Amino acid sequence: MENSKYDENEQVFEEHFEFLESTKNVTSNPDFPQRATMIAYIQLVEQYEKLLKTSVRISRLGDKAQKKLMKYKELLDTMRNI
């Protein structure tokens, strides 16, 4: 397995962290051409959309897992009361 500078939770977002670093390089250079800055901005918007979709997907999975856990907890509580 490849060593990563990101922990288990951050690895899901690794490509976004890497993109953020490259974007910071663009914005920190005042001599960057306007056209290249615009391209970087468009790429940033695309990455944001991808990140948002990933976040929604993770949230849905978390909600489903929580519902299952609550269902099993209720079942266990019911079994204990029998």
Protein backbone atom coordinates (compact mmCIF):
# COMPACT_ATOMS: atom_id res chain seq x y z
CA MET A 1 0.00 0.00 0.00
CA GLU A 2 1.28 3.43 -0.93
CA ASN A 3 2.25 5.84 1.87
CA SER A 4 0.08 8.91 1.93
CA LYS A 5 0.39 12.19 3.76
CA TYR A 6 -3.36 12.04 4.41
CA ASP A 7 -5.10 10.05 7.12
CA GLU A 8 -7.81 7.48 6.41
CA ASN A 9 -10.61 10.07 6.38
CA GLU A 10 -8.68 12.59 4.30
CA GLN A 11 -7.72 10.05 1.62
CA VAL A 12 -11.22 10.25 0.16
CA PHE A 13 -10.46 13.89 -0.60
CA GLU A 14 -6.79 13.45 -1.56
CA GLU A 15 -7.21 14.63 -5.15
CA HIS A 16 -9.05 17.73 -3.89
CA PHE A 17 -6.24 18.57 -1.46
CA GLU A 18 -3.71 18.17 -4.26
CA PHE A 19 -5.77 20.35 -6.59
CA LEU A 20 -6.05 22.98 -3.85
CA GLU A 21 -2.27 23.10 -3.58
CA SER A 22 -1.88 23.61 -7.32
CA THR A 23 -4.56 26.33 -7.28
CA LYS A 24 -2.78 28.12 -4.46
CA ASN A 25 0.31 28.26 -6.67
CA VAL A 26 -1.71 30.02 -9.36
CA THR A 27 -3.29 32.55 -7.01
CA SER A 28 -0.02 33.32 -5.24
CA ASN A 29 1.64 34.38 -8.50
CA PRO A 30 0.57 37.95 -9.43
CA ASP A 31 2.24 37.65 -12.85
CA PHE A 32 0.11 34.70 -13.89
CA PRO A 33 -1.57 35.42 -17.26
CA GLN A 34 -5.25 36.36 -17.08
CA ARG A 35 -6.29 33.57 -19.47
CA ALA A 36 -4.46 30.97 -17.39
CA THR A 37 -6.09 32.39 -14.25
CA MET A 38 -9.51 32.03 -15.89
CA ILE A 39 -8.76 28.42 -16.84
CA ALA A 40 -7.66 27.73 -13.26
CA TYR A 41 -10.91 29.31 -12.02
CA ILE A 42 -13.00 27.08 -14.31
CA GLN A 43 -11.08 24.03 -13.10
CA LEU A 44 -11.68 25.14 -9.53
CA VAL A 45 -15.43 25.34 -10.15
CA GLU A 46 -15.38 21.85 -11.68
CA GLN A 47 -13.46 20.45 -8.72
CA TYR A 48 -15.84 22.15 -6.31
CA GLU A 49 -18.79 20.51 -8.05
CA LYS A 50 -17.08 17.12 -7.84
CA LEU A 51 -16.26 17.69 -4.16
CA LEU A 52 -19.84 18.68 -3.42
CA LYS A 53 -21.17 15.54 -5.11
CA THR A 54 -18.69 13.39 -3.17
CA SER A 55 -19.73 15.05 0.09
CA VAL A 56 -23.42 14.45 -0.62
CA ARG A 57 -22.70 10.80 -1.46
CA ILE A 58 -20.75 10.34 1.79
CA SER A 59 -23.52 12.03 3.75
CA ARG A 60 -26.14 9.72 2.22
CA LEU A 61 -24.05 6.66 3.08
CA GLY A 62 -23.66 7.93 6.63
CA ASP A 63 -27.40 8.51 6.93
CA LYS A 64 -28.16 5.01 5.65
CA ALA A 65 -25.68 3.48 8.09
CA GLN A 66 -27.16 5.46 10.96
CA LYS A 67 -30.69 4.33 10.10
CA LYS A 68 -29.55 0.70 10.02
CA LEU A 69 -27.80 1.07 13.36
CA MET A 70 -30.88 2.65 14.92
CA LYS A 71 -33.02 -0.18 13.56
CA TYR A 72 -30.68 -2.80 15.04
CA LYS A 73 -30.57 -0.92 18.34
CA GLU A 74 -34.37 -0.91 18.52
CA LEU A 75 -34.38 -4.63 17.71
CA LEU A 76 -31.86 -5.35 20.47
CA ASP A 77 -33.82 -3.22 22.95
CA THR A 78 -36.99 -5.13 22.02
CA MET A 79 -35.23 -8.47 22.46
CA ARG A 80 -33.92 -7.44 25.88
CA ASN A 81 -37.42 -6.54 27.02
CA ILE A 82 -38.88 -9.92 26.06
